[in-house]
Amino acid sequence: MTTNDDQYYIKQIIEGDTKAFTVLVDRYKDLVFTLTLRMLKNREEAEEVAQDTFIKVYKSLNRFKGGSKFSTWIYKIAYNAGLDRLKKNKKHINNVAINEFTAHEVKTIGNALDKLENEEREQAIKKCLDMLPSDDAFLLTLYYYEELTLEEISKTIGLTPNNVKVKLFRSRKKIATILRQQLEPELIEDYERERQ
């Protein structure tokens, strides 16, 4: 899936081939839903916002000039739609208390995670992402799952790359706190025993 390929379908849609939009929806629907679910923490609302996102994309497709990747443009629309929904619902999400970590504790947690089977690790991380505040979960999803660059994320959420870097650092600290609380204590203890 290349930017040129996206441009081909965008051109077709603008020229009146509405069926070509189905290709773009199929290409990005899972990602948009995942991102909105990370923000809203509610399946039904995430589905509505994902649908709203594609309606907005369709209506403003002629304004996409290709200055950034099409996927970045869609993420930005999904992000803003999610923020609008959060504001509308006036949801207050409990923030995770951040404790200071020593380098040893962070390494211990990371190595304990490495001992989990891949599937268990994936489930543990997704569960912890669901426990994060919306903007942190969204940011980590873009960076780690979608592997967007700091520059691409900065265009998506409207912050400078340096601000994105700071937010990523804080988000990682939050998820480390959650992981620490969620991991089986014996995994950490086992690792510490092995290191002695």
N, C-alpha and C. Protein backbone atom coordinates (compact mmCIF):
# COMPACT_ATOMS: atom_id res chain seq x y z
N MET A 1 0.85 -1.16 0.00
CA MET A 1 0.00 0.00 0.00
C MET A 1 0.89 1.22 0.00
N THR A 2 0.94 1.88 -1.13
CA THR A 2 1.83 3.03 -1.25
C THR A 2 1.03 4.30 -1.35
N THR A 3 1.69 5.41 -1.13
CA THR A 3 1.04 6.70 -1.24
C THR A 3 0.54 6.90 -2.66
N ASN A 4 1.34 6.45 -3.66
CA ASN A 4 0.91 6.57 -5.05
C ASN A 4 -0.36 5.78 -5.31
N ASP A 5 -0.44 4.60 -4.71
CA ASP A 5 -1.63 3.77 -4.85
C ASP A 5 -2.84 4.47 -4.24
N ASP A 6 -2.66 5.07 -3.05
CA ASP A 6 -3.75 5.84 -2.43
C ASP A 6 -4.15 6.99 -3.34
N GLN A 7 -3.16 7.69 -3.91
CA GLN A 7 -3.45 8.83 -4.79
C GLN A 7 -4.29 8.41 -6.00
N TYR A 8 -4.01 7.21 -6.50
CA TYR A 8 -4.79 6.71 -7.64
C TYR A 8 -6.28 6.62 -7.28
N TYR A 9 -6.56 6.03 -6.12
CA TYR A 9 -7.96 5.88 -5.70
C TYR A 9 -8.60 7.22 -5.34
N ILE A 10 -7.82 8.11 -4.75
CA ILE A 10 -8.33 9.44 -4.42
C ILE A 10 -8.76 10.16 -5.71
N LYS A 11 -7.91 10.07 -6.72
CA LYS A 11 -8.22 10.70 -8.02
C LYS A 11 -9.49 10.10 -8.61
N GLN A 12 -9.63 8.76 -8.52
CA GLN A 12 -10.83 8.09 -9.04
C GLN A 12 -12.09 8.60 -8.33
N ILE A 13 -12.00 8.74 -7.01
CA ILE A 13 -13.15 9.18 -6.21
C ILE A 13 -13.53 10.61 -6.58
N ILE A 14 -12.54 11.48 -6.67
CA ILE A 14 -12.80 12.89 -7.00
C ILE A 14 -13.42 13.01 -8.38
N GLU A 15 -13.04 12.10 -9.28
CA GLU A 15 -13.59 12.10 -10.64
C GLU A 15 -14.97 11.45 -10.71
N GLY A 16 -15.48 11.00 -9.55
CA GLY A 16 -16.85 10.50 -9.53
C GLY A 16 -17.02 9.01 -9.29
N ASP A 17 -15.94 8.25 -9.19
CA ASP A 17 -16.04 6.81 -8.95
C ASP A 17 -16.15 6.56 -7.45
N THR A 18 -17.37 6.62 -6.93
CA THR A 18 -17.58 6.48 -5.48
C THR A 18 -17.23 5.07 -4.99
N LYS A 19 -17.27 4.09 -5.88
CA LYS A 19 -16.92 2.72 -5.47
C LYS A 19 -15.44 2.60 -5.09
N ALA A 20 -14.61 3.48 -5.63
CA ALA A 20 -13.18 3.44 -5.32
C ALA A 20 -12.94 3.76 -3.84
N PHE A 21 -13.90 4.47 -3.22
CA PHE A 21 -13.74 4.81 -1.80
C PHE A 21 -13.74 3.56 -0.94
N THR A 22 -14.43 2.52 -1.38
CA THR A 22 -14.48 1.25 -0.65
C THR A 22 -13.07 0.68 -0.45
N VAL A 23 -12.22 0.85 -1.44
CA VAL A 23 -10.85 0.35 -1.35
C VAL A 23 -10.12 1.05 -0.20
N LEU A 24 -10.26 2.36 -0.12
CA LEU A 24 -9.59 3.12 0.94
C LEU A 24 -10.18 2.79 2.31
N VAL A 25 -11.48 2.62 2.38
CA VAL A 25 -12.12 2.25 3.65
C VAL A 25 -11.61 0.89 4.10
N ASP A 26 -11.61 -0.08 3.19
CA ASP A 26 -11.12 -1.43 3.53
C ASP A 26 -9.66 -1.39 3.98
N ARG A 27 -8.89 -0.54 3.36
CA ARG A 27 -7.47 -0.44 3.66
C ARG A 27 -7.22 0.12 5.07
N TYR A 28 -8.04 1.08 5.50
CA TYR A 28 -7.76 1.80 6.74
C TYR A 28 -8.77 1.59 7.87
N LYS A 29 -9.84 0.84 7.62
CA LYS A 29 -10.91 0.72 8.62
C LYS A 29 -10.45 0.08 9.93
N ASP A 30 -9.63 -0.97 9.85
CA ASP A 30 -9.19 -1.64 11.08
C ASP A 30 -8.32 -0.72 11.93
N LEU A 31 -7.44 -0.01 11.26
CA LEU A 31 -6.56 0.90 11.99
C LEU A 31 -7.36 2.04 12.62
N VAL A 32 -8.26 2.65 11.86
CA VAL A 32 -9.06 3.76 12.39
C VAL A 32 -9.87 3.28 13.58
N PHE A 33 -10.47 2.10 13.48
CA PHE A 33 -11.24 1.57 14.60
C PHE A 33 -10.35 1.34 15.82
N THR A 34 -9.17 0.76 15.61
CA THR A 34 -8.24 0.51 16.72
C THR A 34 -7.87 1.81 17.41
N LEU A 35 -7.56 2.83 16.62
CA LEU A 35 -7.17 4.12 17.19
C LEU A 35 -8.31 4.76 17.97
N THR A 36 -9.52 4.72 17.41
CA THR A 36 -10.65 5.34 18.11
C THR A 36 -11.01 4.54 19.36
N LEU A 37 -10.86 3.23 19.31
CA LEU A 37 -11.13 2.41 20.49
C LEU A 37 -10.12 2.71 21.59
N ARG A 38 -8.86 2.93 21.23
CA ARG A 38 -7.84 3.28 22.22
C ARG A 38 -8.20 4.60 22.90
N MET A 39 -8.77 5.52 22.14
CA MET A 39 -9.12 6.82 22.71
C MET A 39 -10.38 6.76 23.56
N LEU A 40 -11.39 6.10 23.06
CA LEU A 40 -12.72 6.18 23.67
C LEU A 40 -13.02 5.07 24.67
N LYS A 41 -12.29 3.96 24.59
CA LYS A 41 -12.46 2.84 25.53
C LYS A 41 -13.87 2.25 25.50
N ASN A 42 -14.57 2.45 24.40
CA ASN A 42 -15.94 1.97 24.28
C ASN A 42 -16.16 1.56 22.84
N ARG A 43 -16.52 0.30 22.64
CA ARG A 43 -16.64 -0.26 21.30
C ARG A 43 -17.66 0.46 20.42
N GLU A 44 -18.84 0.69 20.97
CA GLU A 44 -19.90 1.33 20.18
C GLU A 44 -19.51 2.75 19.78
N GLU A 45 -18.98 3.49 20.73
CA GLU A 45 -18.56 4.87 20.42
C GLU A 45 -17.42 4.87 19.42
N ALA A 46 -16.49 3.93 19.56
CA ALA A 46 -15.37 3.84 18.63
C ALA A 46 -15.87 3.54 17.22
N GLU A 47 -16.86 2.66 17.11
CA GLU A 47 -17.43 2.35 15.78
C GLU A 47 -18.08 3.59 15.17
N GLU A 48 -18.82 4.34 16.00
CA GLU A 48 -19.46 5.57 15.50
C GLU A 48 -18.43 6.59 15.04
N VAL A 49 -17.40 6.77 15.85
CA VAL A 49 -16.38 7.76 15.51
C VAL A 49 -15.60 7.31 14.27
N ALA A 50 -15.35 6.02 14.15
CA ALA A 50 -14.67 5.50 12.95
C ALA A 50 -15.51 5.78 11.71
N GLN A 51 -16.83 5.56 11.81
CA GLN A 51 -17.72 5.87 10.68
C GLN A 51 -17.72 7.36 10.37
N ASP A 52 -17.79 8.17 11.43
CA ASP A 52 -17.74 9.63 11.25
C ASP A 52 -16.44 10.04 10.57
N THR A 53 -15.35 9.38 10.95
CA THR A 53 -14.05 9.68 10.36
C THR A 53 -14.09 9.48 8.85
N PHE A 54 -14.65 8.36 8.41
CA PHE A 54 -14.68 8.09 6.97
C PHE A 54 -15.65 9.01 6.23
N ILE A 55 -16.70 9.43 6.89
CA ILE A 55 -17.60 10.41 6.27
C ILE A 55 -16.85 11.72 6.07
N LYS A 56 -16.11 12.14 7.10
CA LYS A 56 -15.33 13.38 6.99
C LYS A 56 -14.25 13.25 5.93
N VAL A 57 -13.60 12.09 5.88
CA VAL A 57 -12.57 11.86 4.87
C VAL A 57 -13.18 11.99 3.48
N TYR A 58 -14.32 11.36 3.27
CA TYR A 58 -14.97 11.39 1.95
C TYR A 58 -15.34 12.81 1.55
N LYS A 59 -15.93 13.54 2.50
CA LYS A 59 -16.40 14.90 2.20
C LYS A 59 -15.24 15.87 1.94
N SER A 60 -14.09 15.61 2.52
CA SER A 60 -12.99 16.57 2.36
C SER A 60 -11.84 16.00 1.53
N LEU A 61 -12.10 14.94 0.82
CA LEU A 61 -11.06 14.29 0.02
C LEU A 61 -10.41 15.24 -0.99
N ASN A 62 -11.20 16.13 -1.55
CA ASN A 62 -10.65 17.05 -2.55
C ASN A 62 -9.67 18.05 -1.92
N ARG A 63 -9.65 18.16 -0.59
CA ARG A 63 -8.71 19.07 0.08
C ARG A 63 -7.39 18.38 0.43
N PHE A 64 -7.33 17.07 0.24
CA PHE A 64 -6.07 16.35 0.51
C PHE A 64 -5.13 16.62 -0.67
N LYS A 65 -4.01 17.29 -0.36
CA LYS A 65 -3.08 17.70 -1.42
C LYS A 65 -1.85 16.81 -1.51
N GLY A 66 -1.72 15.85 -0.61
CA GLY A 66 -0.58 14.94 -0.69
C GLY A 66 0.68 15.48 -0.03
N GLY A 67 0.54 16.52 0.79
CA GLY A 67 1.70 17.06 1.50
C GLY A 67 2.24 16.10 2.55
N SER A 68 1.40 15.20 3.00
CA SER A 68 1.82 14.14 3.92
C SER A 68 1.23 12.84 3.40
N LYS A 69 1.56 11.74 4.05
CA LYS A 69 0.98 10.47 3.62
C LYS A 69 -0.53 10.50 3.88
N PHE A 70 -1.27 9.82 3.04
CA PHE A 70 -2.72 9.76 3.19
C PHE A 70 -3.09 9.15 4.53
N SER A 71 -2.33 8.13 4.96
CA SER A 71 -2.62 7.49 6.24
C SER A 71 -2.47 8.49 7.39
N THR A 72 -1.47 9.35 7.33
CA THR A 72 -1.28 10.37 8.37
C THR A 72 -2.48 11.31 8.40
N TRP A 73 -2.97 11.67 7.25
CA TRP A 73 -4.14 12.56 7.14
C TRP A 73 -5.37 11.90 7.77
N ILE A 74 -5.58 10.62 7.48
CA ILE A 74 -6.71 9.89 8.07
C ILE A 74 -6.55 9.80 9.59
N TYR A 75 -5.34 9.50 10.07
CA TYR A 75 -5.12 9.39 11.52
C TYR A 75 -5.47 10.71 12.20
N LYS A 76 -5.11 11.81 11.55
CA LYS A 76 -5.38 13.13 12.14
C LYS A 76 -6.89 13.35 12.24
N ILE A 77 -7.62 12.99 11.21
CA ILE A 77 -9.07 13.14 11.23
C ILE A 77 -9.68 12.24 12.32
N ALA A 78 -9.18 11.01 12.42
CA ALA A 78 -9.68 10.09 13.46
C ALA A 78 -9.36 10.63 14.85
N TYR A 79 -8.17 11.15 15.02
CA TYR A 79 -7.75 11.71 16.31
C TYR A 79 -8.66 12.88 16.71
N ASN A 80 -8.86 13.80 15.78
CA ASN A 80 -9.72 14.96 16.07
C ASN A 80 -11.16 14.56 16.33
N ALA A 81 -11.66 13.58 15.58
CA ALA A 81 -13.02 13.09 15.81
C ALA A 81 -13.14 12.44 17.19
N GLY A 82 -12.10 11.69 17.59
CA GLY A 82 -12.08 11.09 18.92
C GLY A 82 -12.05 12.13 20.02
N LEU A 83 -11.23 13.17 19.83
CA LEU A 83 -11.18 14.26 20.81
C LEU A 83 -12.53 14.96 20.93
N ASP A 84 -13.16 15.19 19.78
CA ASP A 84 -14.49 15.83 19.79
C ASP A 84 -15.49 14.99 20.58
N ARG A 85 -15.45 13.69 20.38
CA ARG A 85 -16.37 12.80 21.10
C ARG A 85 -16.08 12.82 22.60
N LEU A 86 -14.80 12.79 22.95
CA LEU A 86 -14.44 12.84 24.37
C LEU A 86 -14.93 14.13 25.02
N LYS A 87 -14.76 15.24 24.31
CA LYS A 87 -15.23 16.54 24.84
C LYS A 87 -16.75 16.54 24.96
N LYS A 88 -17.40 16.00 23.95
CA LYS A 88 -18.86 15.97 23.95
C LYS A 88 -19.39 15.16 25.13
N ASN A 89 -18.76 14.04 25.39
CA ASN A 89 -19.21 13.17 26.48
C ASN A 89 -18.66 13.60 27.83
N LYS A 90 -17.72 14.54 27.79
CA LYS A 90 -17.08 15.03 29.03
C LYS A 90 -16.61 13.88 29.90
N LYS A 91 -15.93 12.95 29.25
CA LYS A 91 -15.41 11.80 29.99
C LYS A 91 -14.17 12.21 30.76
N HIS A 92 -14.09 11.74 31.97
CA HIS A 92 -12.91 11.98 32.78
C HIS A 92 -12.25 10.64 33.03
N ILE A 93 -11.05 10.51 32.53
CA ILE A 93 -10.33 9.25 32.65
C ILE A 93 -9.32 9.38 33.77
N ASN A 94 -9.34 8.40 34.65
CA ASN A 94 -8.39 8.42 35.77
C ASN A 94 -6.97 8.26 35.23
N ASN A 95 -6.12 9.14 35.65
CA ASN A 95 -4.72 9.04 35.27
C ASN A 95 -4.01 8.07 36.19
N VAL A 96 -3.07 7.37 35.64
CA VAL A 96 -2.28 6.42 36.42
C VAL A 96 -1.23 7.21 37.19
N ALA A 97 -1.07 6.88 38.45
CA ALA A 97 -0.04 7.53 39.25
C ALA A 97 1.32 7.08 38.73
N ILE A 98 2.21 8.04 38.56
CA ILE A 98 3.53 7.72 38.05
C ILE A 98 4.52 7.71 39.21
N ASN A 99 5.17 6.60 39.37
CA ASN A 99 6.22 6.50 40.37
C ASN A 99 7.55 6.64 39.66
N GLU A 100 8.52 7.10 40.36
CA GLU A 100 9.87 7.18 39.78
C GLU A 100 10.42 5.76 39.69
N PHE A 101 11.03 5.45 38.58
CA PHE A 101 11.63 4.13 38.38
C PHE A 101 13.13 4.25 38.38
N THR A 102 13.75 3.30 38.97
CA THR A 102 15.20 3.23 38.80
C THR A 102 15.45 2.48 37.50
N ALA A 103 16.62 2.64 36.94
CA ALA A 103 16.95 1.94 35.70
C ALA A 103 16.82 0.44 35.88
N HIS A 104 17.20 -0.06 37.06
CA HIS A 104 17.13 -1.49 37.34
C HIS A 104 15.68 -1.98 37.29
N GLU A 105 14.76 -1.21 37.88
CA GLU A 105 13.35 -1.62 37.88
C GLU A 105 12.79 -1.68 36.47
N VAL A 106 13.11 -0.67 35.66
CA VAL A 106 12.62 -0.65 34.28
C VAL A 106 13.19 -1.84 33.51
N LYS A 107 14.47 -2.13 33.68
CA LYS A 107 15.10 -3.27 33.01
C LYS A 107 14.48 -4.58 33.49
N THR A 108 14.22 -4.68 34.79
CA THR A 108 13.61 -5.89 35.35
C THR A 108 12.24 -6.13 34.75
N ILE A 109 11.45 -5.06 34.63
CA ILE A 109 10.11 -5.20 34.05
C ILE A 109 10.22 -5.62 32.59
N GLY A 110 11.13 -4.98 31.85
CA GLY A 110 11.31 -5.33 30.45
C GLY A 110 11.73 -6.77 30.26
N ASN A 111 12.65 -7.23 31.08
CA ASN A 111 13.12 -8.61 30.97
C ASN A 111 12.06 -9.61 31.42
N ALA A 112 11.26 -9.22 32.41
CA ALA A 112 10.17 -10.10 32.83
C ALA A 112 9.16 -10.24 31.70
N LEU A 113 8.90 -9.15 30.99
CA LEU A 113 8.00 -9.21 29.84
C LEU A 113 8.55 -10.12 28.76
N ASP A 114 9.87 -10.05 28.55
CA ASP A 114 10.49 -10.89 27.53
C ASP A 114 10.30 -12.37 27.81
N LYS A 115 10.09 -12.72 29.07
CA LYS A 115 9.91 -14.12 29.43
C LYS A 115 8.51 -14.63 29.08
N LEU A 116 7.58 -13.71 28.91
CA LEU A 116 6.23 -14.14 28.56
C LEU A 116 6.22 -14.65 27.12
N GLU A 117 5.31 -15.55 26.84
CA GLU A 117 5.15 -15.98 25.46
C GLU A 117 4.65 -14.79 24.64
N ASN A 118 4.93 -14.79 23.33
CA ASN A 118 4.54 -13.65 22.49
C ASN A 118 3.07 -13.31 22.61
N GLU A 119 2.23 -14.30 22.57
CA GLU A 119 0.79 -14.03 22.63
C GLU A 119 0.39 -13.44 23.97
N GLU A 120 0.94 -13.99 25.05
CA GLU A 120 0.64 -13.46 26.37
C GLU A 120 1.15 -12.03 26.51
N ARG A 121 2.31 -11.78 25.97
CA ARG A 121 2.87 -10.43 26.03
C ARG A 121 1.97 -9.45 25.27
N GLU A 122 1.55 -9.86 24.09
CA GLU A 122 0.67 -9.02 23.27
C GLU A 122 -0.63 -8.71 24.03
N GLN A 123 -1.22 -9.74 24.64
CA GLN A 123 -2.45 -9.53 25.41
C GLN A 123 -2.21 -8.63 26.61
N ALA A 124 -1.08 -8.81 27.29
CA ALA A 124 -0.76 -7.98 28.46
C ALA A 124 -0.60 -6.53 28.05
N ILE A 125 0.08 -6.30 26.93
CA ILE A 125 0.29 -4.93 26.47
C ILE A 125 -1.03 -4.29 26.05
N LYS A 126 -1.86 -5.03 25.31
CA LYS A 126 -3.16 -4.47 24.89
C LYS A 126 -4.03 -4.15 26.10
N LYS A 127 -4.01 -5.04 27.08
CA LYS A 127 -4.79 -4.81 28.30
C LYS A 127 -4.30 -3.54 29.01
N CYS A 128 -2.99 -3.38 29.07
CA CYS A 128 -2.41 -2.19 29.71
C CYS A 128 -2.69 -0.93 28.90
N LEU A 129 -2.66 -1.04 27.55
CA LEU A 129 -3.00 0.10 26.71
C LEU A 129 -4.42 0.57 26.98
N ASP A 130 -5.32 -0.40 27.19
CA ASP A 130 -6.71 -0.06 27.47
C ASP A 130 -6.87 0.68 28.79
N MET A 131 -5.91 0.51 29.69
CA MET A 131 -5.98 1.16 30.99
C MET A 131 -5.37 2.56 30.98
N LEU A 132 -4.69 2.90 29.89
CA LEU A 132 -4.06 4.22 29.79
C LEU A 132 -5.09 5.28 29.44
N PRO A 133 -4.81 6.54 29.78
CA PRO A 133 -5.65 7.64 29.26
C PRO A 133 -5.64 7.60 27.73
N SER A 134 -6.71 8.07 27.13
CA SER A 134 -6.92 7.96 25.69
C SER A 134 -5.76 8.47 24.85
N ASP A 135 -5.27 9.67 25.16
CA ASP A 135 -4.23 10.24 24.31
C ASP A 135 -2.93 9.45 24.39
N ASP A 136 -2.64 8.87 25.55
CA ASP A 136 -1.44 8.05 25.68
C ASP A 136 -1.56 6.77 24.88
N ALA A 137 -2.72 6.12 24.97
CA ALA A 137 -2.94 4.88 24.23
C ALA A 137 -2.86 5.13 22.73
N PHE A 138 -3.46 6.22 22.29
CA PHE A 138 -3.45 6.59 20.87
C PHE A 138 -2.02 6.80 20.39
N LEU A 139 -1.25 7.55 21.16
CA LEU A 139 0.12 7.88 20.81
C LEU A 139 1.00 6.63 20.72
N LEU A 140 0.90 5.76 21.73
CA LEU A 140 1.71 4.53 21.73
C LEU A 140 1.31 3.61 20.58
N THR A 141 0.02 3.58 20.26
CA THR A 141 -0.45 2.75 19.14
C THR A 141 0.16 3.25 17.83
N LEU A 142 0.13 4.56 17.61
CA LEU A 142 0.72 5.10 16.38
C LEU A 142 2.22 4.81 16.31
N TYR A 143 2.92 4.96 17.43
CA TYR A 143 4.36 4.83 17.42
C TYR A 143 4.82 3.38 17.33
N TYR A 144 4.22 2.51 18.15
CA TYR A 144 4.71 1.13 18.20
C TYR A 144 4.00 0.18 17.25
N TYR A 145 2.69 0.32 17.10
CA TYR A 145 1.97 -0.61 16.24
C TYR A 145 1.97 -0.16 14.78
N GLU A 146 1.80 1.15 14.57
CA GLU A 146 1.77 1.65 13.20
C GLU A 146 3.14 2.12 12.73
N GLU A 147 4.09 2.19 13.69
CA GLU A 147 5.47 2.56 13.42
C GLU A 147 5.59 3.88 12.67
N LEU A 148 4.77 4.85 13.07
CA LEU A 148 4.88 6.19 12.49
C LEU A 148 6.10 6.88 13.09
N THR A 149 6.67 7.78 12.32
CA THR A 149 7.80 8.56 12.80
C THR A 149 7.29 9.67 13.71
N LEU A 150 8.20 10.29 14.45
CA LEU A 150 7.82 11.42 15.30
C LEU A 150 7.21 12.54 14.45
N GLU A 151 7.76 12.74 13.27
CA GLU A 151 7.26 13.78 12.35
C GLU A 151 5.82 13.47 11.91
N GLU A 152 5.56 12.21 11.56
CA GLU A 152 4.21 11.83 11.14
C GLU A 152 3.21 11.97 12.29
N ILE A 153 3.62 11.56 13.48
CA ILE A 153 2.74 11.70 14.64
C ILE A 153 2.50 13.17 14.93
N SER A 154 3.53 13.98 14.78
CA SER A 154 3.40 15.41 15.04
C SER A 154 2.35 16.03 14.11
N LYS A 155 2.33 15.60 12.84
CA LYS A 155 1.32 16.10 11.90
C LYS A 155 -0.07 15.59 12.28
N THR A 156 -0.14 14.38 12.80
CA THR A 156 -1.43 13.79 13.17
C THR A 156 -2.07 14.51 14.35
N ILE A 157 -1.28 14.78 15.38
CA ILE A 157 -1.88 15.34 16.59
C ILE A 157 -1.61 16.83 16.78
N GLY A 158 -0.88 17.44 15.85
CA GLY A 158 -0.70 18.88 15.88
C GLY A 158 0.27 19.38 16.94
N LEU A 159 1.30 18.61 17.25
CA LEU A 159 2.34 19.03 18.18
C LEU A 159 3.69 18.98 17.45
N THR A 160 4.68 19.66 18.01
CA THR A 160 6.02 19.57 17.42
C THR A 160 6.59 18.19 17.68
N PRO A 161 7.54 17.74 16.86
CA PRO A 161 8.17 16.44 17.11
C PRO A 161 8.79 16.35 18.51
N ASN A 162 9.36 17.44 19.01
CA ASN A 162 9.92 17.41 20.36
C ASN A 162 8.84 17.19 21.42
N ASN A 163 7.69 17.83 21.24
CA ASN A 163 6.58 17.62 22.18
C ASN A 163 6.07 16.19 22.10
N VAL A 164 6.04 15.63 20.90
CA VAL A 164 5.63 14.24 20.73
C VAL A 164 6.60 13.33 21.48
N LYS A 165 7.90 13.62 21.37
CA LYS A 165 8.92 12.83 22.05
C LYS A 165 8.71 12.85 23.56
N VAL A 166 8.41 14.02 24.11
CA VAL A 166 8.16 14.16 25.55
C VAL A 166 6.91 13.38 25.94
N LYS A 167 5.84 13.51 25.14
CA LYS A 167 4.60 12.79 25.44
C LYS A 167 4.81 11.28 25.36
N LEU A 168 5.61 10.83 24.39
CA LEU A 168 5.92 9.40 24.28
C LEU A 168 6.66 8.92 25.52
N PHE A 169 7.62 9.70 25.99
CA PHE A 169 8.37 9.33 27.18
C PHE A 169 7.41 9.18 28.37
N ARG A 170 6.53 10.15 28.55
CA ARG A 170 5.58 10.11 29.66
C ARG A 170 4.61 8.93 29.51
N SER A 171 4.17 8.68 28.28
CA SER A 171 3.25 7.56 28.04
C SER A 171 3.92 6.23 28.36
N ARG A 172 5.20 6.11 28.00
CA ARG A 172 5.93 4.88 28.31
C ARG A 172 6.08 4.70 29.81
N LYS A 173 6.28 5.78 30.54
CA LYS A 173 6.37 5.69 32.00
C LYS A 173 5.02 5.22 32.57
N LYS A 174 3.93 5.73 32.02
CA LYS A 174 2.61 5.32 32.50
C LYS A 174 2.36 3.84 32.24
N ILE A 175 2.71 3.39 31.03
CA ILE A 175 2.45 1.98 30.73
C ILE A 175 3.39 1.09 31.55
N ALA A 176 4.59 1.58 31.85
CA ALA A 176 5.50 0.81 32.71
C ALA A 176 4.90 0.64 34.10
N THR A 177 4.24 1.70 34.60
CA THR A 177 3.58 1.62 35.90
C THR A 177 2.48 0.57 35.87
N ILE A 178 1.68 0.60 34.82
CA ILE A 178 0.58 -0.36 34.70
C ILE A 178 1.12 -1.78 34.55
N LEU A 179 2.13 -1.94 33.70
CA LEU A 179 2.73 -3.27 33.51
C LEU A 179 3.26 -3.80 34.83
N ARG A 180 3.88 -2.92 35.57
CA ARG A 180 4.44 -3.34 36.86
C ARG A 180 3.33 -3.85 37.78
N GLN A 181 2.19 -3.19 37.77
CA GLN A 181 1.07 -3.60 38.62
C GLN A 181 0.41 -4.87 38.10
N GLN A 182 0.43 -5.07 36.78
CA GLN A 182 -0.30 -6.18 36.18
C GLN A 182 0.49 -7.47 36.05
N LEU A 183 1.80 -7.35 35.93
CA LEU A 183 2.60 -8.55 35.73
C LEU A 183 2.56 -9.45 36.96
N GLU A 184 2.65 -10.71 36.70
CA GLU A 184 2.72 -11.65 37.81
C GLU A 184 3.95 -11.34 38.64
N PRO A 185 3.79 -11.07 39.93
CA PRO A 185 4.95 -10.72 40.76
C PRO A 185 6.04 -11.79 40.73
N GLU A 186 5.64 -13.05 40.59
CA GLU A 186 6.67 -14.09 40.60
C GLU A 186 7.56 -14.03 39.37
N LEU A 187 7.07 -13.51 38.24
CA LEU A 187 7.93 -13.36 37.07
C LEU A 187 9.08 -12.41 37.36
N ILE A 188 8.74 -11.31 38.01
CA ILE A 188 9.78 -10.34 38.37
C ILE A 188 10.72 -10.95 39.40
N GLU A 189 10.15 -11.64 40.39
CA GLU A 189 10.97 -12.27 41.42
C GLU A 189 11.89 -13.32 40.82
N ASP A 190 11.34 -14.14 39.89
CA ASP A 190 12.17 -15.17 39.23
C ASP A 190 13.35 -14.53 38.51
N TYR A 191 13.07 -13.46 37.80
CA TYR A 191 14.13 -12.80 37.07
C TYR A 191 15.19 -12.26 38.03
N GLU A 192 14.75 -11.64 39.11
CA GLU A 192 15.70 -11.07 40.07
C GLU A 192 16.55 -12.18 40.71
N ARG A 193 15.93 -13.34 40.97
CA ARG A 193 16.70 -14.46 41.53
C ARG A 193 17.76 -14.94 40.55
N GLU A 194 17.38 -15.01 39.24
CA GLU A 194 18.33 -15.45 38.22
C GLU A 194 19.52 -14.50 38.11
N ARG A 195 19.29 -13.22 38.35
CA ARG A 195 20.34 -12.21 38.21
C ARG A 195 21.30 -12.20 39.39
N GLN A 196 20.92 -12.82 40.50
CA GLN A 196 21.78 -12.78 41.69
C GLN A 196 22.84 -13.85 41.65
